[in-house]
Amino acid sequence: MRIWKENWLSFIRYGMLMLLVVFIVALLGADKTSETKIETVEKAVEKEVPLTGMHSVQSQMVKRLYGLNVNDYEGVVLYISDSNMGAEELLIVKLADTSQAEAVESAVQTRIENQENSFEGYGVEQYQLLQEHVLDVEGNYVFFMVHKEAQKAQKAFLNNL
């Protein structure tokens, strides 16, 4: 009887420990939303990676290129190449709700595919940039960049959320 009680107590202890581990993992994996203003994130990225050869565009261009209505989000920043022959782009979206992340990711994937189709075959360097793009969803922010220094820009993005 005593052995049975000891085994039962050990079982309960391990069960409680497992529940605690699951709870901690769930807390760590929860969506982290940022209160940082999109302008602050934009300036940090631009400070780290100067956006020379690119320009900021209005909401109509966001709708045209990505199919996204900027009024559905807390903020949207889009820079595109000054040249039709350039693939460089920067898109930062501050989501109104984290449930919007999947739709924005899907829009970005569609944009990547369209750009790859445009540059495949003749824009070898631009096609390579597209292949090495950075797409990152962090809580209520989506970051997408096609640029030779996209990794560096991503670090600035992450450090300023």
N, C-alpha and C. Protein backbone atom coordinates (compact mmCIF):
# COMPACT_ATOMS: atom_id res chain seq x y z
N MET A 1 0.82 -1.19 0.00
CA MET A 1 0.00 0.00 0.00
C MET A 1 0.87 1.26 0.00
N ARG A 2 1.97 1.22 0.77
CA ARG A 2 2.85 2.37 0.88
C ARG A 2 3.53 2.65 -0.48
N ILE A 3 3.94 1.62 -1.17
CA ILE A 3 4.58 1.78 -2.49
C ILE A 3 3.58 2.40 -3.47
N TRP A 4 2.34 1.96 -3.38
CA TRP A 4 1.31 2.50 -4.27
C TRP A 4 1.13 4.00 -4.03
N LYS A 5 1.11 4.44 -2.76
CA LYS A 5 0.95 5.86 -2.43
C LYS A 5 2.15 6.66 -2.94
N GLU A 6 3.36 6.13 -2.77
CA GLU A 6 4.56 6.83 -3.24
C GLU A 6 4.53 6.98 -4.75
N ASN A 7 4.14 5.93 -5.45
CA ASN A 7 4.05 6.00 -6.91
C ASN A 7 2.98 7.00 -7.33
N TRP A 8 1.87 7.00 -6.64
CA TRP A 8 0.77 7.92 -6.96
C TRP A 8 1.22 9.37 -6.75
N LEU A 9 1.91 9.64 -5.65
CA LEU A 9 2.40 10.99 -5.37
C LEU A 9 3.45 11.42 -6.41
N SER A 10 4.30 10.50 -6.80
CA SER A 10 5.29 10.81 -7.84
C SER A 10 4.60 11.13 -9.15
N PHE A 11 3.58 10.36 -9.47
CA PHE A 11 2.81 10.60 -10.69
C PHE A 11 2.17 11.99 -10.66
N ILE A 12 1.59 12.37 -9.54
CA ILE A 12 0.95 13.68 -9.41
C ILE A 12 2.00 14.79 -9.52
N ARG A 13 3.16 14.61 -8.89
CA ARG A 13 4.23 15.61 -8.97
C ARG A 13 4.68 15.82 -10.42
N TYR A 14 4.92 14.73 -11.12
CA TYR A 14 5.35 14.85 -12.51
C TYR A 14 4.25 15.47 -13.38
N GLY A 15 3.03 15.11 -13.11
CA GLY A 15 1.91 15.70 -13.85
C GLY A 15 1.82 17.20 -13.63
N MET A 16 1.96 17.64 -12.40
CA MET A 16 1.93 19.07 -12.09
C MET A 16 3.12 19.79 -12.73
N LEU A 17 4.27 19.16 -12.72
CA LEU A 17 5.45 19.74 -13.34
C LEU A 17 5.23 19.91 -14.85
N MET A 18 4.65 18.90 -15.47
CA MET A 18 4.38 18.98 -16.91
C MET A 18 3.38 20.09 -17.21
N LEU A 19 2.35 20.23 -16.40
CA LEU A 19 1.38 21.32 -16.59
C LEU A 19 2.05 22.68 -16.46
N LEU A 20 2.95 22.80 -15.51
CA LEU A 20 3.67 24.05 -15.32
C LEU A 20 4.52 24.38 -16.55
N VAL A 21 5.22 23.38 -17.07
CA VAL A 21 6.05 23.58 -18.26
C VAL A 21 5.18 24.00 -19.45
N VAL A 22 4.05 23.33 -19.65
CA VAL A 22 3.14 23.67 -20.75
C VAL A 22 2.64 25.11 -20.58
N PHE A 23 2.29 25.49 -19.38
CA PHE A 23 1.80 26.84 -19.11
C PHE A 23 2.87 27.89 -19.43
N ILE A 24 4.10 27.64 -19.01
CA ILE A 24 5.20 28.58 -19.27
C ILE A 24 5.46 28.70 -20.77
N VAL A 25 5.48 27.59 -21.47
CA VAL A 25 5.69 27.61 -22.92
C VAL A 25 4.57 28.39 -23.61
N ALA A 26 3.34 28.19 -23.17
CA ALA A 26 2.20 28.91 -23.75
C ALA A 26 2.35 30.42 -23.53
N LEU A 27 2.78 30.81 -22.35
CA LEU A 27 2.98 32.24 -22.08
C LEU A 27 4.08 32.83 -22.94
N LEU A 28 5.16 32.10 -23.11
CA LEU A 28 6.27 32.60 -23.91
C LEU A 28 5.91 32.68 -25.39
N GLY A 29 5.04 31.80 -25.85
CA GLY A 29 4.67 31.77 -27.25
C GLY A 29 3.51 32.68 -27.59
N ALA A 30 2.94 33.36 -26.61
CA ALA A 30 1.79 34.23 -26.86
C ALA A 30 2.20 35.41 -27.73
N ASP A 31 1.23 35.90 -28.51
CA ASP A 31 1.49 37.07 -29.35
C ASP A 31 1.92 38.25 -28.50
N LYS A 32 2.98 38.88 -28.94
CA LYS A 32 3.47 40.06 -28.25
C LYS A 32 3.12 41.27 -29.10
N THR A 33 2.29 42.13 -28.59
CA THR A 33 1.94 43.32 -29.34
C THR A 33 2.84 44.47 -28.89
N SER A 34 3.11 45.35 -29.82
CA SER A 34 3.99 46.48 -29.57
C SER A 34 3.18 47.77 -29.63
N GLU A 35 3.46 48.66 -28.71
CA GLU A 35 2.82 49.98 -28.70
C GLU A 35 3.65 51.00 -29.48
N THR A 36 4.81 50.59 -29.98
CA THR A 36 5.69 51.49 -30.72
C THR A 36 4.98 52.04 -31.95
N LYS A 37 5.10 53.34 -32.17
CA LYS A 37 4.50 53.97 -33.34
C LYS A 37 5.21 53.50 -34.60
N ILE A 38 4.46 53.36 -35.66
CA ILE A 38 5.03 52.88 -36.92
C ILE A 38 6.08 53.86 -37.45
N GLU A 39 5.91 55.15 -37.19
CA GLU A 39 6.88 56.15 -37.63
C GLU A 39 8.23 55.93 -36.94
N THR A 40 8.20 55.51 -35.69
CA THR A 40 9.43 55.23 -34.95
C THR A 40 10.17 54.04 -35.57
N VAL A 41 9.41 53.00 -35.89
CA VAL A 41 10.00 51.81 -36.51
C VAL A 41 10.56 52.16 -37.88
N GLU A 42 9.80 52.92 -38.66
CA GLU A 42 10.24 53.34 -39.99
C GLU A 42 11.56 54.11 -39.92
N LYS A 43 11.64 55.08 -39.00
CA LYS A 43 12.86 55.89 -38.87
C LYS A 43 14.05 55.04 -38.44
N ALA A 44 13.82 54.07 -37.56
CA ALA A 44 14.91 53.20 -37.11
C ALA A 44 15.45 52.35 -38.25
N VAL A 45 14.55 51.83 -39.07
CA VAL A 45 14.96 51.02 -40.22
C VAL A 45 15.72 51.89 -41.21
N GLU A 46 15.18 53.08 -41.49
CA GLU A 46 15.82 53.97 -42.45
C GLU A 46 17.18 54.47 -41.96
N LYS A 47 17.33 54.62 -40.66
CA LYS A 47 18.62 55.03 -40.09
C LYS A 47 19.66 53.93 -40.27
N GLU A 48 19.24 52.69 -40.09
CA GLU A 48 20.15 51.54 -40.21
C GLU A 48 20.49 51.23 -41.66
N VAL A 49 19.49 51.31 -42.53
CA VAL A 49 19.68 51.02 -43.95
C VAL A 49 19.09 52.18 -44.75
N PRO A 50 19.92 53.12 -45.20
CA PRO A 50 19.40 54.24 -45.97
C PRO A 50 18.63 53.75 -47.20
N LEU A 51 17.48 54.32 -47.41
CA LEU A 51 16.60 53.87 -48.49
C LEU A 51 16.83 54.67 -49.76
N THR A 52 18.09 54.86 -50.10
CA THR A 52 18.43 55.58 -51.32
C THR A 52 17.97 54.75 -52.51
N GLY A 53 17.47 55.44 -53.52
CA GLY A 53 16.94 54.75 -54.69
C GLY A 53 15.53 54.23 -54.48
N MET A 54 14.92 54.63 -53.36
CA MET A 54 13.55 54.22 -53.06
C MET A 54 12.76 55.46 -52.62
N HIS A 55 11.45 55.39 -52.77
CA HIS A 55 10.61 56.49 -52.31
C HIS A 55 9.34 55.95 -51.67
N SER A 56 8.81 56.74 -50.76
CA SER A 56 7.58 56.39 -50.06
C SER A 56 6.39 56.63 -51.00
N VAL A 57 5.39 55.77 -50.91
CA VAL A 57 4.22 55.91 -51.79
C VAL A 57 2.94 56.04 -50.96
N GLN A 58 1.91 56.51 -51.63
CA GLN A 58 0.61 56.74 -51.00
C GLN A 58 -0.20 55.45 -50.91
N SER A 59 -1.32 55.55 -50.21
CA SER A 59 -2.16 54.38 -49.94
C SER A 59 -2.70 53.71 -51.20
N GLN A 60 -2.91 54.48 -52.27
CA GLN A 60 -3.42 53.88 -53.51
C GLN A 60 -2.44 52.84 -54.06
N MET A 61 -1.15 53.12 -53.90
CA MET A 61 -0.13 52.19 -54.40
C MET A 61 -0.09 50.93 -53.54
N VAL A 62 -0.33 51.06 -52.25
CA VAL A 62 -0.39 49.88 -51.37
C VAL A 62 -1.53 48.98 -51.84
N LYS A 63 -2.66 49.60 -52.16
CA LYS A 63 -3.83 48.84 -52.64
C LYS A 63 -3.50 48.19 -53.99
N ARG A 64 -2.85 48.93 -54.87
CA ARG A 64 -2.55 48.42 -56.21
C ARG A 64 -1.54 47.26 -56.18
N LEU A 65 -0.48 47.41 -55.38
CA LEU A 65 0.58 46.40 -55.37
C LEU A 65 0.29 45.21 -54.46
N TYR A 66 -0.40 45.46 -53.35
CA TYR A 66 -0.61 44.41 -52.35
C TYR A 66 -2.07 44.03 -52.15
N GLY A 67 -2.97 44.85 -52.67
CA GLY A 67 -4.39 44.58 -52.46
C GLY A 67 -4.85 44.85 -51.04
N LEU A 68 -4.08 45.67 -50.31
CA LEU A 68 -4.40 45.98 -48.91
C LEU A 68 -4.99 47.38 -48.80
N ASN A 69 -6.05 47.50 -48.02
CA ASN A 69 -6.66 48.79 -47.75
C ASN A 69 -6.01 49.35 -46.48
N VAL A 70 -5.26 50.44 -46.60
CA VAL A 70 -4.51 50.96 -45.46
C VAL A 70 -5.41 51.36 -44.29
N ASN A 71 -6.66 51.66 -44.55
CA ASN A 71 -7.59 52.04 -43.47
C ASN A 71 -7.95 50.87 -42.57
N ASP A 72 -7.64 49.66 -43.00
CA ASP A 72 -7.92 48.47 -42.18
C ASP A 72 -6.85 48.22 -41.13
N TYR A 73 -5.76 48.98 -41.20
CA TYR A 73 -4.61 48.74 -40.33
C TYR A 73 -4.30 49.99 -39.50
N GLU A 74 -3.55 49.79 -38.45
CA GLU A 74 -3.17 50.92 -37.60
C GLU A 74 -2.17 51.82 -38.31
N GLY A 75 -1.36 51.25 -39.17
CA GLY A 75 -0.41 52.03 -39.94
C GLY A 75 0.24 51.19 -41.01
N VAL A 76 0.58 51.82 -42.14
CA VAL A 76 1.24 51.13 -43.25
C VAL A 76 2.29 52.07 -43.83
N VAL A 77 3.49 51.53 -44.04
CA VAL A 77 4.59 52.26 -44.67
C VAL A 77 5.03 51.41 -45.86
N LEU A 78 5.12 52.03 -47.03
CA LEU A 78 5.61 51.32 -48.21
C LEU A 78 6.59 52.21 -48.97
N TYR A 79 7.77 51.66 -49.20
CA TYR A 79 8.78 52.28 -50.06
C TYR A 79 8.99 51.33 -51.23
N ILE A 80 9.08 51.91 -52.42
CA ILE A 80 9.38 51.10 -53.60
C ILE A 80 10.56 51.73 -54.34
N SER A 81 11.11 50.97 -55.25
CA SER A 81 12.26 51.42 -56.03
C SER A 81 11.88 52.62 -56.90
N ASP A 82 12.83 53.54 -57.05
CA ASP A 82 12.63 54.68 -57.94
C ASP A 82 12.56 54.24 -59.40
N SER A 83 13.13 53.08 -59.69
CA SER A 83 13.21 52.58 -61.06
C SER A 83 12.27 51.39 -61.27
N ASN A 84 11.68 51.33 -62.44
CA ASN A 84 10.86 50.16 -62.78
C ASN A 84 11.70 48.90 -62.89
N MET A 85 13.01 49.08 -63.04
CA MET A 85 13.91 47.94 -63.16
C MET A 85 14.45 47.48 -61.81
N GLY A 86 13.99 48.08 -60.72
CA GLY A 86 14.45 47.71 -59.38
C GLY A 86 13.38 46.96 -58.62
N ALA A 87 13.79 45.99 -57.85
CA ALA A 87 12.85 45.17 -57.07
C ALA A 87 12.82 45.58 -55.59
N GLU A 88 13.64 46.54 -55.20
CA GLU A 88 13.73 46.92 -53.79
C GLU A 88 12.38 47.43 -53.28
N GLU A 89 11.99 46.92 -52.13
CA GLU A 89 10.75 47.35 -51.48
C GLU A 89 10.90 47.21 -49.98
N LEU A 90 10.17 48.05 -49.28
CA LEU A 90 10.04 47.96 -47.84
C LEU A 90 8.58 48.16 -47.49
N LEU A 91 8.01 47.19 -46.79
CA LEU A 91 6.63 47.28 -46.32
C LEU A 91 6.63 47.00 -44.83
N ILE A 92 6.08 47.93 -44.07
CA ILE A 92 5.89 47.73 -42.64
C ILE A 92 4.41 47.98 -42.37
N VAL A 93 3.77 47.01 -41.74
CA VAL A 93 2.35 47.14 -41.41
C VAL A 93 2.17 46.95 -39.92
N LYS A 94 1.53 47.92 -39.29
CA LYS A 94 1.13 47.77 -37.89
C LYS A 94 -0.33 47.34 -37.92
N LEU A 95 -0.57 46.11 -37.51
CA LEU A 95 -1.90 45.53 -37.58
C LEU A 95 -2.82 46.13 -36.52
N ALA A 96 -4.09 46.27 -36.88
CA ALA A 96 -5.09 46.69 -35.90
C ALA A 96 -5.39 45.53 -34.96
N ASP A 97 -5.22 44.31 -35.49
CA ASP A 97 -5.48 43.09 -34.73
C ASP A 97 -4.55 42.01 -35.27
N THR A 98 -3.99 41.19 -34.39
CA THR A 98 -3.04 40.16 -34.84
C THR A 98 -3.67 39.14 -35.78
N SER A 99 -4.99 39.06 -35.79
CA SER A 99 -5.66 38.12 -36.70
C SER A 99 -5.49 38.54 -38.17
N GLN A 100 -5.06 39.77 -38.41
CA GLN A 100 -4.85 40.26 -39.78
C GLN A 100 -3.53 39.79 -40.38
N ALA A 101 -2.67 39.23 -39.57
CA ALA A 101 -1.32 38.87 -40.02
C ALA A 101 -1.34 37.91 -41.20
N GLU A 102 -2.21 36.93 -41.16
CA GLU A 102 -2.25 35.94 -42.23
C GLU A 102 -2.62 36.57 -43.57
N ALA A 103 -3.57 37.49 -43.57
CA ALA A 103 -3.98 38.16 -44.81
C ALA A 103 -2.84 39.01 -45.38
N VAL A 104 -2.12 39.69 -44.50
CA VAL A 104 -1.00 40.52 -44.96
C VAL A 104 0.11 39.63 -45.50
N GLU A 105 0.41 38.55 -44.79
CA GLU A 105 1.44 37.61 -45.26
C GLU A 105 1.08 37.06 -46.64
N SER A 106 -0.17 36.71 -46.82
CA SER A 106 -0.64 36.19 -48.10
C SER A 106 -0.48 37.23 -49.20
N ALA A 107 -0.81 38.48 -48.90
CA ALA A 107 -0.66 39.56 -49.88
C ALA A 107 0.81 39.75 -50.25
N VAL A 108 1.69 39.64 -49.27
CA VAL A 108 3.12 39.78 -49.53
C VAL A 108 3.61 38.62 -50.39
N GLN A 109 3.18 37.41 -50.09
CA GLN A 109 3.59 36.25 -50.89
C GLN A 109 3.14 36.40 -52.35
N THR A 110 1.94 36.90 -52.54
CA THR A 110 1.45 37.14 -53.90
C THR A 110 2.31 38.18 -54.60
N ARG A 111 2.67 39.24 -53.89
CA ARG A 111 3.53 40.28 -54.45
C ARG A 111 4.90 39.71 -54.83
N ILE A 112 5.46 38.88 -53.97
CA ILE A 112 6.75 38.26 -54.27
C ILE A 112 6.66 37.43 -55.55
N GLU A 113 5.63 36.62 -55.64
CA GLU A 113 5.45 35.77 -56.84
C GLU A 113 5.32 36.63 -58.09
N ASN A 114 4.53 37.70 -58.02
CA ASN A 114 4.36 38.59 -59.18
C ASN A 114 5.68 39.23 -59.58
N GLN A 115 6.45 39.68 -58.60
CA GLN A 115 7.73 40.30 -58.89
C GLN A 115 8.73 39.29 -59.45
N GLU A 116 8.74 38.09 -58.89
CA GLU A 116 9.63 37.05 -59.42
C GLU A 116 9.29 36.74 -60.87
N ASN A 117 8.01 36.66 -61.19
CA ASN A 117 7.60 36.43 -62.57
C ASN A 117 8.04 37.57 -63.48
N SER A 118 8.01 38.79 -62.97
CA SER A 118 8.41 39.95 -63.76
C SER A 118 9.92 39.96 -64.04
N PHE A 119 10.71 39.60 -63.05
CA PHE A 119 12.17 39.71 -63.18
C PHE A 119 12.85 38.43 -63.63
N GLU A 120 12.16 37.32 -63.60
CA GLU A 120 12.76 36.04 -63.97
C GLU A 120 13.20 36.08 -65.43
N GLY A 121 14.44 35.70 -65.66
CA GLY A 121 14.94 35.61 -67.02
C GLY A 121 15.77 36.79 -67.46
N TYR A 122 15.41 38.00 -67.05
CA TYR A 122 16.21 39.13 -67.51
C TYR A 122 16.77 40.00 -66.38
N GLY A 123 16.16 40.02 -65.24
CA GLY A 123 16.66 40.81 -64.12
C GLY A 123 17.29 39.91 -63.08
N VAL A 124 18.43 39.33 -63.43
CA VAL A 124 19.06 38.30 -62.59
C VAL A 124 19.35 38.82 -61.18
N GLU A 125 19.95 40.00 -61.08
CA GLU A 125 20.27 40.56 -59.76
C GLU A 125 19.00 40.86 -58.96
N GLN A 126 18.00 41.41 -59.64
CA GLN A 126 16.75 41.74 -58.96
C GLN A 126 16.01 40.46 -58.53
N TYR A 127 16.06 39.46 -59.38
CA TYR A 127 15.44 38.18 -59.04
C TYR A 127 16.12 37.58 -57.81
N GLN A 128 17.44 37.68 -57.75
CA GLN A 128 18.19 37.17 -56.59
C GLN A 128 17.79 37.91 -55.32
N LEU A 129 17.63 39.24 -55.40
CA LEU A 129 17.17 40.02 -54.25
C LEU A 129 15.81 39.53 -53.78
N LEU A 130 14.93 39.27 -54.71
CA LEU A 130 13.59 38.77 -54.37
C LEU A 130 13.68 37.42 -53.67
N GLN A 131 14.59 36.58 -54.12
CA GLN A 131 14.76 35.27 -53.50
C GLN A 131 15.26 35.39 -52.06
N GLU A 132 15.99 36.46 -51.78
CA GLU A 132 16.58 36.65 -50.45
C GLU A 132 15.79 37.64 -49.60
N HIS A 133 14.54 37.84 -49.92
CA HIS A 133 13.69 38.78 -49.17
C HIS A 133 13.58 38.39 -47.70
N VAL A 134 13.16 39.33 -46.89
CA VAL A 134 12.89 39.08 -45.47
C VAL A 134 11.42 39.38 -45.22
N LEU A 135 10.72 38.40 -44.67
CA LEU A 135 9.32 38.56 -44.27
C LEU A 135 9.23 38.09 -42.83
N ASP A 136 8.80 38.99 -41.95
CA ASP A 136 8.79 38.70 -40.52
C ASP A 136 7.49 39.22 -39.91
N VAL A 137 6.81 38.36 -39.17
CA VAL A 137 5.62 38.76 -38.43
C VAL A 137 5.97 38.70 -36.95
N GLU A 138 5.85 39.83 -36.29
CA GLU A 138 6.16 39.93 -34.86
C GLU A 138 4.98 40.58 -34.16
N GLY A 139 4.13 39.77 -33.54
CA GLY A 139 2.97 40.30 -32.82
C GLY A 139 2.05 41.07 -33.75
N ASN A 140 1.95 42.38 -33.54
CA ASN A 140 1.05 43.20 -34.35
C ASN A 140 1.78 43.97 -35.46
N TYR A 141 2.97 43.51 -35.82
CA TYR A 141 3.74 44.12 -36.90
C TYR A 141 4.11 43.08 -37.95
N VAL A 142 4.09 43.53 -39.22
CA VAL A 142 4.59 42.72 -40.33
C VAL A 142 5.68 43.54 -41.01
N PHE A 143 6.82 42.90 -41.25
CA PHE A 143 7.97 43.54 -41.89
C PHE A 143 8.31 42.74 -43.14
N PHE A 144 8.42 43.44 -44.27
CA PHE A 144 8.82 42.80 -45.52
C PHE A 144 9.81 43.72 -46.21
N MET A 145 10.92 43.13 -46.64
CA MET A 145 11.91 43.94 -47.35
C MET A 145 12.63 43.12 -48.40
N VAL A 146 12.79 43.75 -49.55
CA VAL A 146 13.62 43.24 -50.63
C VAL A 146 14.73 44.27 -50.79
N HIS A 147 15.92 43.91 -50.37
CA HIS A 147 17.05 44.85 -50.37
C HIS A 147 18.31 44.05 -50.06
N LYS A 148 19.44 44.53 -50.54
CA LYS A 148 20.69 43.81 -50.26
C LYS A 148 21.03 43.82 -48.78
N GLU A 149 20.49 44.77 -48.02
CA GLU A 149 20.74 44.84 -46.58
C GLU A 149 19.47 44.57 -45.76
N ALA A 150 18.62 43.72 -46.28
CA ALA A 150 17.34 43.43 -45.62
C ALA A 150 17.53 42.83 -44.22
N GLN A 151 18.54 42.00 -44.05
CA GLN A 151 18.79 41.38 -42.74
C GLN A 151 19.14 42.45 -41.70
N LYS A 152 19.94 43.39 -42.11
CA LYS A 152 20.34 44.49 -41.22
C LYS A 152 19.11 45.33 -40.85
N ALA A 153 18.26 45.59 -41.81
CA ALA A 153 17.04 46.36 -41.57
C ALA A 153 16.10 45.60 -40.64
N GLN A 154 16.05 44.29 -40.80
CA GLN A 154 15.20 43.47 -39.93
C GLN A 154 15.64 43.58 -38.47
N LYS A 155 16.94 43.59 -38.25
CA LYS A 155 17.45 43.74 -36.88
C LYS A 155 17.01 45.07 -36.28
N ALA A 156 17.08 46.14 -37.07
CA ALA A 156 16.63 47.45 -36.59
C ALA A 156 15.13 47.41 -36.29
N PHE A 157 14.39 46.75 -37.14
CA PHE A 157 12.94 46.58 -36.94
C PHE A 157 12.67 45.88 -35.61
N LEU A 158 13.33 44.76 -35.39
CA LEU A 158 13.11 43.98 -34.17
C LEU A 158 13.54 44.74 -32.92
N ASN A 159 14.63 45.46 -33.02
CA ASN A 159 15.14 46.20 -31.86
C ASN A 159 14.27 47.38 -31.47
N ASN A 160 13.37 47.79 -32.35
CA ASN A 160 12.55 48.96 -32.07
C ASN A 160 11.08 48.66 -31.85
N LEU A 161 10.75 47.41 -31.72
CA LEU A 161 9.35 47.06 -31.42
C LEU A 161 9.08 47.21 -29.94
